[in-house]
Each structure stands twice: as structure tokens, then as C-alpha cells.
Amino acid sequence: MRPIRPPLGSSPNALETAVIDLPGSDTRHVRATRDLVCRDFRDALGSFATGVTVLTTLATDGKPVGLTISSFNTVSLDPPLILWSLACDSPRLAAFRHAGHYAVNVLAADQEVISNRFASRDEDRFDALAFTPGLAGVPLIQGCSAWFECSHEAHYPGGDHLIFLGRVQRFARGQTADPLIFHAGRYRRLHSNSER
């Protein structure tokens, strides 16, 4: 069976009844609603393990702003460019859209609590949090496995997200090598060969 594809020029909602026929896939259950397709799409994306980061910047009033994301990726080594994305309905979108600088704090395996704090609706995310000011005063969270301090290069529309391109101005690796991993809706940890 061939995949069902929406006709050219059709609306994005035409994907509501799309079925992908892959070896070993179960095509008996055709998804009829957009919500189910979106949830299934998100679950399928969750099969890809990612690191966990907290993006930090300063709002126009000088207050620190931060949020947890896993959509961080490298783009180029020369010049050093990274990208990440943020939902268009995020209450923190304006702060990052207008920021000249921001930092990518790559969380270490023991920083689940920090990830959860910055993924929550809590407004006091920086209370009692150990951080130091980086370039342009942007907060750098202590204890991370790496930091990338970036200047804003560009942003582009990407469906229901805005894609940010950052130029790395400074970076450092932490003393903790093991990163926090997210896979299939849960935090994971890397295991050394001796632990298997």
C-alpha cells in the first residue's frame, strides 16, 4: 500500500486521514481527526532521543527569562551557528524575539528538577537558582554540562513555531559530562558499558 498523500495545494488539515505504510507499521487504524494525528505525530517524534536545554535571556525590563526546550541543534561550524524553536503561542516568545543575546544551557543528568521548573507555568523560575551573568548579562545556570552564549542571527516562521538561528559567541563545557536525555515522554540517562 502506498502512503496516502494530500493533493497539492490542499490545506494542512488534509493530513487528517494520512496513513504512512512503513515496514512493520500497523495501518489498520486510520486516524480520522487532526488532534489524533498531531498527538501520534508528537509521539512518533518522541522516538528520537534528545538532550534537554534551558534557554535563557533578559526581557526588555532586565528580568531574566527562561524555558525548557529540546529543539536545539547545530547548523554550522564556520560560522558557529545553532538553531532552536519556540511555539508561537508561548508567553515568552516576545522576550526571545526581541533579545539580542541568549544562552543555551545544556542540562546535566542530575538537573531534572531544573528542567521541570523551567517547563512549568511558575513565574519565579529563577528564585533560589544558582546562575552567573554571561554575555549581555544573560543568565548561565550553574552545574550544566555545556553552555552556548549566542547573539541573535535571524528567526524564521516554521508552522506553529518560530525558528531561531543563533551565532555562538562563547561556549564552555562543564565538569559534568553526562547530559539529561528525553525520550518517549520521559527523562533518561546514558549508561556506560560497565553498567550494561
N, C-alpha and C. Protein backbone atom coordinates (compact mmCIF):
# COMPACT_ATOMS: atom_id res chain seq x y z
N MET A 1 0.85 -1.18 0.00
CA MET A 1 0.00 0.00 0.00
C MET A 1 0.89 1.23 0.00
N ARG A 2 0.57 2.22 -0.81
CA ARG A 2 1.31 3.47 -0.86
C ARG A 2 0.77 4.42 0.20
N PRO A 3 1.63 5.33 0.69
CA PRO A 3 1.13 6.32 1.63
C PRO A 3 0.05 7.18 0.97
N ILE A 4 -0.97 7.55 1.73
CA ILE A 4 -1.99 8.46 1.25
C ILE A 4 -1.46 9.87 1.42
N ARG A 5 -1.41 10.62 0.37
CA ARG A 5 -0.86 11.97 0.43
C ARG A 5 -1.95 12.96 0.07
N PRO A 6 -1.97 14.12 0.74
CA PRO A 6 -2.95 15.14 0.38
C PRO A 6 -2.62 15.70 -1.00
N PRO A 7 -3.63 16.11 -1.76
CA PRO A 7 -3.35 16.69 -3.08
C PRO A 7 -2.59 17.99 -2.95
N LEU A 8 -1.80 18.30 -3.97
CA LEU A 8 -1.05 19.55 -3.97
C LEU A 8 -2.00 20.73 -3.85
N GLY A 9 -1.61 21.70 -3.05
CA GLY A 9 -2.42 22.89 -2.87
C GLY A 9 -3.53 22.71 -1.86
N SER A 10 -3.64 21.53 -1.24
CA SER A 10 -4.68 21.33 -0.23
C SER A 10 -4.24 21.94 1.09
N SER A 11 -5.18 22.10 1.99
CA SER A 11 -4.88 22.70 3.29
C SER A 11 -4.10 21.73 4.15
N PRO A 12 -3.39 22.24 5.20
CA PRO A 12 -2.65 21.35 6.09
C PRO A 12 -3.57 20.33 6.77
N ASN A 13 -4.86 20.64 6.93
CA ASN A 13 -5.78 19.71 7.57
C ASN A 13 -6.05 18.48 6.72
N ALA A 14 -5.61 18.50 5.47
CA ALA A 14 -5.79 17.32 4.61
C ALA A 14 -4.98 16.14 5.14
N LEU A 15 -4.06 16.39 6.06
CA LEU A 15 -3.26 15.31 6.63
C LEU A 15 -4.05 14.50 7.65
N GLU A 16 -5.28 14.90 7.92
CA GLU A 16 -6.07 14.23 8.94
C GLU A 16 -6.23 12.74 8.69
N THR A 17 -6.32 12.32 7.45
CA THR A 17 -6.54 10.90 7.17
C THR A 17 -5.31 10.24 6.56
N ALA A 18 -4.15 10.89 6.65
CA ALA A 18 -2.94 10.32 6.06
C ALA A 18 -2.51 9.07 6.83
N VAL A 19 -2.09 8.07 6.09
CA VAL A 19 -1.58 6.85 6.67
C VAL A 19 -0.21 6.60 6.06
N ILE A 20 0.76 6.31 6.88
CA ILE A 20 2.09 6.01 6.37
C ILE A 20 2.27 4.50 6.40
N ASP A 21 2.61 3.92 5.27
CA ASP A 21 2.79 2.49 5.16
C ASP A 21 4.29 2.19 5.22
N LEU A 22 4.76 1.85 6.40
CA LEU A 22 6.17 1.52 6.59
C LEU A 22 6.27 0.04 6.98
N PRO A 23 7.39 -0.58 6.70
CA PRO A 23 7.55 -1.98 7.11
C PRO A 23 7.32 -2.10 8.62
N GLY A 24 6.48 -3.02 8.99
CA GLY A 24 6.21 -3.25 10.40
C GLY A 24 5.19 -2.30 11.02
N SER A 25 4.66 -1.35 10.25
CA SER A 25 3.67 -0.42 10.81
C SER A 25 2.28 -1.02 10.73
N ASP A 26 1.41 -0.57 11.61
CA ASP A 26 0.04 -1.07 11.66
C ASP A 26 -0.86 -0.04 10.99
N THR A 27 -1.33 -0.34 9.78
CA THR A 27 -2.16 0.61 9.05
C THR A 27 -3.65 0.32 9.23
N ARG A 28 -4.01 -0.55 10.16
CA ARG A 28 -5.43 -0.87 10.37
C ARG A 28 -6.17 0.28 11.04
N HIS A 29 -5.44 1.11 11.74
CA HIS A 29 -6.08 2.19 12.49
C HIS A 29 -5.84 3.52 11.79
N VAL A 30 -6.77 3.92 10.97
CA VAL A 30 -6.66 5.19 10.26
C VAL A 30 -7.13 6.30 11.20
N ARG A 31 -6.32 7.30 11.36
CA ARG A 31 -6.65 8.41 12.25
C ARG A 31 -7.59 9.37 11.53
N ALA A 32 -8.71 9.67 12.16
CA ALA A 32 -9.73 10.47 11.48
C ALA A 32 -9.74 11.93 11.91
N THR A 33 -9.12 12.26 13.02
CA THR A 33 -9.16 13.65 13.47
C THR A 33 -7.77 14.24 13.54
N ARG A 34 -7.72 15.53 13.35
CA ARG A 34 -6.44 16.23 13.36
C ARG A 34 -5.75 16.10 14.71
N ASP A 35 -6.52 16.15 15.81
CA ASP A 35 -5.92 16.05 17.14
C ASP A 35 -5.20 14.73 17.33
N LEU A 36 -5.83 13.65 16.86
CA LEU A 36 -5.18 12.35 16.98
C LEU A 36 -3.92 12.29 16.15
N VAL A 37 -3.96 12.83 14.94
CA VAL A 37 -2.78 12.83 14.08
C VAL A 37 -1.65 13.62 14.73
N CYS A 38 -1.99 14.79 15.27
CA CYS A 38 -0.97 15.62 15.93
C CYS A 38 -0.36 14.88 17.12
N ARG A 39 -1.20 14.23 17.92
CA ARG A 39 -0.69 13.51 19.09
C ARG A 39 0.17 12.34 18.64
N ASP A 40 -0.29 11.60 17.64
CA ASP A 40 0.50 10.48 17.13
C ASP A 40 1.81 10.97 16.53
N PHE A 41 1.76 12.09 15.81
CA PHE A 41 2.98 12.68 15.23
C PHE A 41 3.96 13.04 16.35
N ARG A 42 3.43 13.66 17.40
CA ARG A 42 4.29 14.04 18.53
C ARG A 42 4.89 12.79 19.20
N ASP A 43 4.07 11.75 19.37
CA ASP A 43 4.58 10.51 19.96
C ASP A 43 5.66 9.88 19.09
N ALA A 44 5.45 9.92 17.78
CA ALA A 44 6.47 9.36 16.87
C ALA A 44 7.76 10.16 16.95
N LEU A 45 7.64 11.49 17.04
CA LEU A 45 8.83 12.32 17.20
C LEU A 45 9.55 12.00 18.51
N GLY A 46 8.79 11.60 19.52
CA GLY A 46 9.37 11.23 20.81
C GLY A 46 10.27 10.01 20.74
N SER A 47 10.23 9.29 19.61
CA SER A 47 11.13 8.15 19.42
C SER A 47 12.57 8.59 19.24
N PHE A 48 12.74 9.87 18.93
CA PHE A 48 14.09 10.42 18.73
C PHE A 48 14.56 11.00 20.06
N ALA A 49 15.60 10.42 20.63
CA ALA A 49 16.13 10.91 21.91
C ALA A 49 16.82 12.25 21.71
N THR A 50 16.58 13.18 22.63
CA THR A 50 17.20 14.50 22.55
C THR A 50 17.82 14.86 23.89
N GLY A 51 18.72 15.80 23.85
CA GLY A 51 19.19 16.41 25.08
C GLY A 51 18.14 17.40 25.56
N VAL A 52 18.32 17.91 26.77
CA VAL A 52 17.39 18.87 27.34
C VAL A 52 18.16 20.14 27.65
N THR A 53 17.62 21.27 27.23
CA THR A 53 18.28 22.55 27.46
C THR A 53 17.32 23.54 28.10
N VAL A 54 17.89 24.53 28.74
CA VAL A 54 17.11 25.68 29.19
C VAL A 54 17.67 26.88 28.46
N LEU A 55 16.80 27.57 27.71
CA LEU A 55 17.18 28.80 27.02
C LEU A 55 16.95 29.96 27.97
N THR A 56 17.92 30.85 28.09
CA THR A 56 17.78 32.00 28.98
C THR A 56 18.10 33.28 28.23
N THR A 57 17.45 34.36 28.63
CA THR A 57 17.72 35.69 28.10
C THR A 57 17.26 36.70 29.13
N LEU A 58 17.32 37.97 28.75
CA LEU A 58 16.79 39.03 29.60
C LEU A 58 15.66 39.72 28.85
N ALA A 59 14.57 39.98 29.55
CA ALA A 59 13.46 40.73 28.97
C ALA A 59 13.87 42.18 28.82
N THR A 60 13.06 42.97 28.14
CA THR A 60 13.39 44.38 27.92
C THR A 60 13.48 45.15 29.24
N ASP A 61 12.82 44.67 30.30
CA ASP A 61 12.90 45.32 31.61
C ASP A 61 14.08 44.81 32.44
N GLY A 62 14.90 43.91 31.86
CA GLY A 62 16.08 43.40 32.54
C GLY A 62 15.84 42.16 33.38
N LYS A 63 14.60 41.69 33.45
CA LYS A 63 14.31 40.48 34.24
C LYS A 63 14.72 39.24 33.46
N PRO A 64 15.26 38.24 34.17
CA PRO A 64 15.65 37.00 33.47
C PRO A 64 14.42 36.22 33.00
N VAL A 65 14.56 35.61 31.84
CA VAL A 65 13.51 34.80 31.24
C VAL A 65 14.15 33.47 30.84
N GLY A 66 13.41 32.38 31.05
CA GLY A 66 13.95 31.08 30.66
C GLY A 66 12.87 30.06 30.42
N LEU A 67 13.20 29.05 29.63
CA LEU A 67 12.27 27.96 29.37
C LEU A 67 13.02 26.72 28.92
N THR A 68 12.42 25.57 29.17
CA THR A 68 12.99 24.28 28.79
C THR A 68 12.63 23.97 27.35
N ILE A 69 13.62 23.56 26.57
CA ILE A 69 13.37 23.11 25.20
C ILE A 69 14.26 21.91 24.87
N SER A 70 13.83 21.14 23.90
CA SER A 70 14.67 20.05 23.39
C SER A 70 14.91 20.21 21.89
N SER A 71 14.46 21.35 21.34
CA SER A 71 14.58 21.56 19.89
C SER A 71 15.88 22.28 19.52
N PHE A 72 16.95 21.97 20.21
CA PHE A 72 18.25 22.59 19.98
C PHE A 72 19.07 21.73 19.02
N ASN A 73 19.75 22.38 18.07
CA ASN A 73 20.54 21.63 17.09
C ASN A 73 21.66 22.50 16.53
N THR A 74 22.69 21.86 16.03
CA THR A 74 23.77 22.59 15.37
C THR A 74 23.38 22.84 13.91
N VAL A 75 23.91 23.93 13.36
CA VAL A 75 23.68 24.26 11.96
C VAL A 75 25.00 24.31 11.21
N SER A 76 25.97 25.02 11.78
CA SER A 76 27.22 25.27 11.06
C SER A 76 28.37 25.40 12.05
N LEU A 77 29.54 24.91 11.64
CA LEU A 77 30.74 25.09 12.46
C LEU A 77 31.47 26.38 12.12
N ASP A 78 31.38 26.80 10.85
CA ASP A 78 32.08 28.01 10.43
C ASP A 78 31.19 28.78 9.45
N PRO A 79 30.47 29.80 9.93
CA PRO A 79 30.50 30.33 11.29
C PRO A 79 29.74 29.41 12.26
N PRO A 80 30.00 29.54 13.56
CA PRO A 80 29.33 28.68 14.54
C PRO A 80 27.87 29.10 14.74
N LEU A 81 26.95 28.32 14.20
CA LEU A 81 25.52 28.64 14.27
C LEU A 81 24.75 27.48 14.88
N ILE A 82 23.73 27.83 15.67
CA ILE A 82 22.82 26.83 16.24
C ILE A 82 21.39 27.26 15.91
N LEU A 83 20.45 26.32 16.07
CA LEU A 83 19.05 26.70 15.92
C LEU A 83 18.22 26.04 17.01
N TRP A 84 17.08 26.63 17.24
CA TRP A 84 16.09 26.09 18.17
C TRP A 84 14.75 26.71 17.81
N SER A 85 13.68 26.19 18.36
CA SER A 85 12.37 26.73 18.00
C SER A 85 11.51 26.89 19.25
N LEU A 86 10.53 27.79 19.12
CA LEU A 86 9.63 28.10 20.23
C LEU A 86 8.22 28.25 19.68
N ALA A 87 7.25 27.70 20.39
CA ALA A 87 5.84 27.78 19.96
C ALA A 87 5.40 29.22 19.85
N CYS A 88 4.64 29.51 18.80
CA CYS A 88 4.18 30.88 18.56
C CYS A 88 3.24 31.38 19.64
N ASP A 89 2.61 30.47 20.39
CA ASP A 89 1.71 30.90 21.46
C ASP A 89 2.39 30.93 22.83
N SER A 90 3.73 30.79 22.85
CA SER A 90 4.46 30.84 24.12
C SER A 90 4.41 32.24 24.71
N PRO A 91 4.15 32.36 26.02
CA PRO A 91 4.17 33.69 26.64
C PRO A 91 5.57 34.31 26.68
N ARG A 92 6.58 33.53 26.38
CA ARG A 92 7.96 34.03 26.40
C ARG A 92 8.51 34.34 25.01
N LEU A 93 7.66 34.17 24.00
CA LEU A 93 8.11 34.39 22.63
C LEU A 93 8.62 35.81 22.41
N ALA A 94 7.90 36.80 22.89
CA ALA A 94 8.29 38.20 22.65
C ALA A 94 9.67 38.49 23.24
N ALA A 95 9.94 37.96 24.42
CA ALA A 95 11.24 38.21 25.06
C ALA A 95 12.38 37.69 24.20
N PHE A 96 12.23 36.48 23.67
CA PHE A 96 13.30 35.91 22.84
C PHE A 96 13.34 36.54 21.45
N ARG A 97 12.19 36.89 20.94
CA ARG A 97 12.15 37.51 19.61
C ARG A 97 12.89 38.85 19.59
N HIS A 98 12.83 39.58 20.69
CA HIS A 98 13.46 40.89 20.77
C HIS A 98 14.83 40.87 21.45
N ALA A 99 15.28 39.71 21.88
CA ALA A 99 16.56 39.61 22.59
C ALA A 99 17.72 39.69 21.61
N GLY A 100 18.74 40.43 21.98
CA GLY A 100 19.96 40.48 21.19
C GLY A 100 20.87 39.31 21.49
N HIS A 101 20.75 38.77 22.72
CA HIS A 101 21.58 37.64 23.16
C HIS A 101 20.71 36.66 23.94
N TYR A 102 21.12 35.40 23.90
CA TYR A 102 20.50 34.38 24.74
C TYR A 102 21.53 33.28 24.96
N ALA A 103 21.24 32.40 25.91
CA ALA A 103 22.16 31.30 26.21
C ALA A 103 21.41 29.98 26.15
N VAL A 104 22.11 28.97 25.65
CA VAL A 104 21.62 27.60 25.68
C VAL A 104 22.36 26.89 26.80
N ASN A 105 21.63 26.52 27.84
CA ASN A 105 22.20 25.81 28.99
C ASN A 105 21.87 24.33 28.81
N VAL A 106 22.87 23.51 28.49
CA VAL A 106 22.65 22.08 28.26
C VAL A 106 22.65 21.39 29.62
N LEU A 107 21.48 20.87 30.00
CA LEU A 107 21.33 20.33 31.35
C LEU A 107 22.07 19.01 31.53
N ALA A 108 22.61 18.85 32.74
CA ALA A 108 23.30 17.62 33.12
C ALA A 108 22.27 16.61 33.63
N ALA A 109 22.71 15.36 33.74
CA ALA A 109 21.81 14.26 34.11
C ALA A 109 21.13 14.48 35.46
N ASP A 110 21.75 15.23 36.36
CA ASP A 110 21.17 15.44 37.70
C ASP A 110 20.33 16.73 37.79
N GLN A 111 19.94 17.30 36.64
CA GLN A 111 19.20 18.57 36.65
C GLN A 111 17.75 18.44 36.17
N GLU A 112 17.13 17.30 36.45
CA GLU A 112 15.71 17.12 36.10
C GLU A 112 14.84 18.17 36.77
N VAL A 113 15.16 18.50 38.01
CA VAL A 113 14.36 19.48 38.76
C VAL A 113 14.38 20.83 38.04
N ILE A 114 15.53 21.22 37.51
CA ILE A 114 15.64 22.49 36.79
C ILE A 114 14.84 22.42 35.50
N SER A 115 14.91 21.30 34.80
CA SER A 115 14.13 21.13 33.58
C SER A 115 12.64 21.28 33.87
N ASN A 116 12.17 20.61 34.91
CA ASN A 116 10.76 20.69 35.28
C ASN A 116 10.36 22.10 35.70
N ARG A 117 11.23 22.78 36.42
CA ARG A 117 10.93 24.15 36.86
C ARG A 117 10.73 25.07 35.66
N PHE A 118 11.62 24.98 34.66
CA PHE A 118 11.53 25.88 33.51
C PHE A 118 10.50 25.42 32.47
N ALA A 119 9.97 24.20 32.64
CA ALA A 119 8.88 23.74 31.79
C ALA A 119 7.52 24.04 32.41
N SER A 120 7.51 24.46 33.66
CA SER A 120 6.26 24.72 34.37
C SER A 120 5.73 26.11 34.06
N ARG A 121 4.56 26.42 34.61
CA ARG A 121 3.96 27.75 34.46
C ARG A 121 4.42 28.70 35.56
N ASP A 122 5.31 28.21 36.41
CA ASP A 122 5.81 29.02 37.52
C ASP A 122 6.51 30.27 37.00
N GLU A 123 6.14 31.41 37.53
CA GLU A 123 6.74 32.67 37.09
C GLU A 123 8.06 32.96 37.80
N ASP A 124 8.29 32.32 38.94
CA ASP A 124 9.51 32.58 39.73
C ASP A 124 10.56 31.51 39.45
N ARG A 125 10.86 31.30 38.21
CA ARG A 125 11.77 30.21 37.83
C ARG A 125 13.20 30.41 38.31
N PHE A 126 13.60 31.65 38.49
CA PHE A 126 14.99 31.93 38.86
C PHE A 126 15.19 32.07 40.37
N ASP A 127 14.10 32.00 41.16
CA ASP A 127 14.23 32.11 42.61
C ASP A 127 15.08 30.97 43.16
N ALA A 128 16.08 31.32 43.96
CA ALA A 128 16.98 30.36 44.61
C ALA A 128 17.73 29.47 43.61
N LEU A 129 17.87 29.92 42.38
CA LEU A 129 18.60 29.17 41.36
C LEU A 129 20.01 29.74 41.24
N ALA A 130 21.00 28.87 41.24
CA ALA A 130 22.39 29.31 41.11
C ALA A 130 22.70 29.57 39.64
N PHE A 131 22.99 30.84 39.33
CA PHE A 131 23.39 31.20 37.97
C PHE A 131 24.34 32.38 38.02
N THR A 132 25.08 32.56 36.94
CA THR A 132 26.00 33.68 36.83
C THR A 132 25.66 34.45 35.55
N PRO A 133 25.93 35.75 35.53
CA PRO A 133 25.65 36.51 34.31
C PRO A 133 26.70 36.23 33.23
N GLY A 134 26.22 36.00 32.01
CA GLY A 134 27.10 35.78 30.88
C GLY A 134 27.14 37.01 30.00
N LEU A 135 27.33 36.83 28.71
CA LEU A 135 27.35 37.94 27.76
C LEU A 135 26.05 38.72 27.84
N ALA A 136 26.13 40.03 27.87
CA ALA A 136 24.97 40.92 27.95
C ALA A 136 24.13 40.66 29.20
N GLY A 137 24.73 40.01 30.21
CA GLY A 137 24.02 39.75 31.46
C GLY A 137 23.09 38.56 31.43
N VAL A 138 23.08 37.81 30.34
CA VAL A 138 22.18 36.66 30.20
C VAL A 138 22.56 35.58 31.22
N PRO A 139 21.59 35.03 31.96
CA PRO A 139 21.89 34.03 32.99
C PRO A 139 22.46 32.73 32.42
N LEU A 140 23.53 32.25 33.08
CA LEU A 140 24.11 30.94 32.79
C LEU A 140 23.88 30.08 34.03
N ILE A 141 23.12 29.01 33.89
CA ILE A 141 22.76 28.14 35.01
C ILE A 141 23.96 27.30 35.40
N GLN A 142 24.26 27.30 36.68
CA GLN A 142 25.42 26.55 37.17
C GLN A 142 25.15 25.04 37.15
N GLY A 143 26.23 24.26 36.97
CA GLY A 143 26.14 22.81 37.02
C GLY A 143 25.75 22.13 35.72
N CYS A 144 25.64 22.89 34.63
CA CYS A 144 25.25 22.30 33.34
C CYS A 144 26.41 21.54 32.72
N SER A 145 26.10 20.74 31.70
CA SER A 145 27.16 20.01 31.01
C SER A 145 27.80 20.84 29.91
N ALA A 146 27.10 21.91 29.45
CA ALA A 146 27.68 22.83 28.47
C ALA A 146 26.83 24.10 28.41
N TRP A 147 27.45 25.17 27.90
CA TRP A 147 26.77 26.45 27.70
C TRP A 147 27.16 27.00 26.32
N PHE A 148 26.19 27.58 25.64
CA PHE A 148 26.43 28.26 24.38
C PHE A 148 25.82 29.64 24.49
N GLU A 149 26.65 30.67 24.46
CA GLU A 149 26.19 32.05 24.54
C GLU A 149 26.10 32.59 23.11
N CYS A 150 24.92 33.04 22.75
CA CYS A 150 24.64 33.36 21.34
C CYS A 150 24.14 34.79 21.17
N SER A 151 24.46 35.35 20.02
CA SER A 151 23.80 36.57 19.59
C SER A 151 22.73 36.16 18.58
N HIS A 152 21.66 36.93 18.56
CA HIS A 152 20.55 36.62 17.66
C HIS A 152 20.99 36.87 16.21
N GLU A 153 20.86 35.85 15.38
CA GLU A 153 21.25 35.96 13.98
C GLU A 153 20.02 36.20 13.09
N ALA A 154 18.96 35.41 13.31
CA ALA A 154 17.74 35.52 12.50
C ALA A 154 16.66 34.66 13.12
N HIS A 155 15.42 34.88 12.68
CA HIS A 155 14.34 33.96 13.02
C HIS A 155 13.43 33.81 11.81
N TYR A 156 12.80 32.64 11.72
CA TYR A 156 12.00 32.28 10.56
C TYR A 156 10.71 31.61 11.00
N PRO A 157 9.60 31.85 10.27
CA PRO A 157 8.37 31.13 10.60
C PRO A 157 8.52 29.65 10.29
N GLY A 158 7.97 28.83 11.17
CA GLY A 158 8.01 27.38 10.97
C GLY A 158 6.72 26.75 11.46
N GLY A 159 5.64 26.97 10.75
CA GLY A 159 4.35 26.42 11.17
C GLY A 159 3.88 27.07 12.45
N ASP A 160 3.62 26.26 13.47
CA ASP A 160 3.16 26.80 14.74
C ASP A 160 4.31 27.18 15.67
N HIS A 161 5.54 27.19 15.14
CA HIS A 161 6.73 27.58 15.90
C HIS A 161 7.48 28.69 15.16
N LEU A 162 8.33 29.38 15.90
CA LEU A 162 9.27 30.33 15.32
C LEU A 162 10.65 29.71 15.48
N ILE A 163 11.40 29.64 14.39
CA ILE A 163 12.74 29.04 14.39
C ILE A 163 13.77 30.14 14.59
N PHE A 164 14.62 29.97 15.59
CA PHE A 164 15.66 30.94 15.91
C PHE A 164 17.02 30.42 15.45
N LEU A 165 17.79 31.28 14.82
CA LEU A 165 19.15 30.98 14.42
C LEU A 165 20.06 31.85 15.25
N GLY A 166 20.98 31.23 15.98
CA GLY A 166 21.88 31.97 16.85
C GLY A 166 23.33 31.79 16.46
N ARG A 167 24.12 32.86 16.59
CA ARG A 167 25.55 32.79 16.32
C ARG A 167 26.26 32.63 17.67
N VAL A 168 27.00 31.55 17.82
CA VAL A 168 27.68 31.28 19.08
C VAL A 168 28.85 32.24 19.24
N GLN A 169 28.81 33.01 20.33
CA GLN A 169 29.88 33.96 20.63
C GLN A 169 30.89 33.37 21.61
N ARG A 170 30.39 32.52 22.49
CA ARG A 170 31.23 31.90 23.51
C ARG A 170 30.59 30.58 23.90
N PHE A 171 31.41 29.60 24.27
CA PHE A 171 30.87 28.33 24.73
C PHE A 171 31.82 27.73 25.75
N ALA A 172 31.31 26.81 26.55
CA ALA A 172 32.13 26.13 27.55
C ALA A 172 31.51 24.79 27.87
N ARG A 173 32.36 23.86 28.29
CA ARG A 173 31.89 22.56 28.76
C ARG A 173 32.00 22.53 30.27
N GLY A 174 31.02 21.89 30.91
CA GLY A 174 31.03 21.78 32.35
C GLY A 174 31.82 20.57 32.82
N GLN A 175 31.91 20.44 34.12
CA GLN A 175 32.64 19.31 34.69
C GLN A 175 31.81 18.03 34.63
N THR A 176 30.48 18.17 34.55
CA THR A 176 29.60 17.01 34.46
C THR A 176 29.42 16.65 32.99
N ALA A 177 29.88 15.46 32.62
CA ALA A 177 29.84 15.06 31.21
C ALA A 177 28.48 14.49 30.81
N ASP A 178 27.79 13.82 31.73
CA ASP A 178 26.55 13.15 31.36
C ASP A 178 25.40 14.14 31.21
N PRO A 179 24.77 14.16 30.03
CA PRO A 179 23.65 15.08 29.80
C PRO A 179 22.32 14.48 30.25
N LEU A 180 21.34 15.34 30.42
CA LEU A 180 19.97 14.89 30.66
C LEU A 180 19.37 14.56 29.30
N ILE A 181 18.74 13.40 29.19
CA ILE A 181 18.17 12.91 27.93
C ILE A 181 16.65 12.82 28.07
N PHE A 182 15.94 13.13 26.98
CA PHE A 182 14.49 12.98 26.96
C PHE A 182 14.11 12.08 25.81
N HIS A 183 13.33 11.04 26.10
CA HIS A 183 12.94 10.08 25.08
C HIS A 183 11.60 9.46 25.45
N ALA A 184 10.67 9.41 24.49
CA ALA A 184 9.35 8.79 24.67
C ALA A 184 8.62 9.34 25.90
N GLY A 185 8.72 10.66 26.08
CA GLY A 185 7.98 11.31 27.15
C GLY A 185 8.57 11.17 28.53
N ARG A 186 9.82 10.67 28.64
CA ARG A 186 10.45 10.50 29.95
C ARG A 186 11.91 10.95 29.90
N TYR A 187 12.42 11.31 31.07
CA TYR A 187 13.85 11.57 31.19
C TYR A 187 14.59 10.23 31.17
N ARG A 188 15.76 10.26 30.56
CA ARG A 188 16.61 9.07 30.51
C ARG A 188 18.03 9.48 30.87
N ARG A 189 18.85 8.48 31.14
CA ARG A 189 20.26 8.72 31.41
C ARG A 189 21.09 7.78 30.54
N LEU A 190 22.27 8.25 30.18
CA LEU A 190 23.19 7.40 29.44
C LEU A 190 23.77 6.36 30.39
N HIS A 191 24.04 5.18 29.88
CA HIS A 191 24.66 4.13 30.69
C HIS A 191 26.01 3.79 30.08
N SER A 192 27.01 3.65 30.93
CA SER A 192 28.33 3.25 30.44
C SER A 192 28.30 1.77 30.13
N ASN A 193 29.29 1.29 29.38
CA ASN A 193 29.35 -0.12 29.03
C ASN A 193 29.41 -1.01 30.26
N SER A 194 30.03 -0.54 31.35
CA SER A 194 30.15 -1.34 32.56
C SER A 194 28.81 -1.51 33.27
N GLU A 195 27.82 -0.65 32.95
CA GLU A 195 26.51 -0.73 33.61
C GLU A 195 25.55 -1.63 32.85
N ARG A 196 25.92 -2.09 31.67
CA ARG A 196 25.01 -2.91 30.85
C ARG A 196 25.11 -4.36 31.24
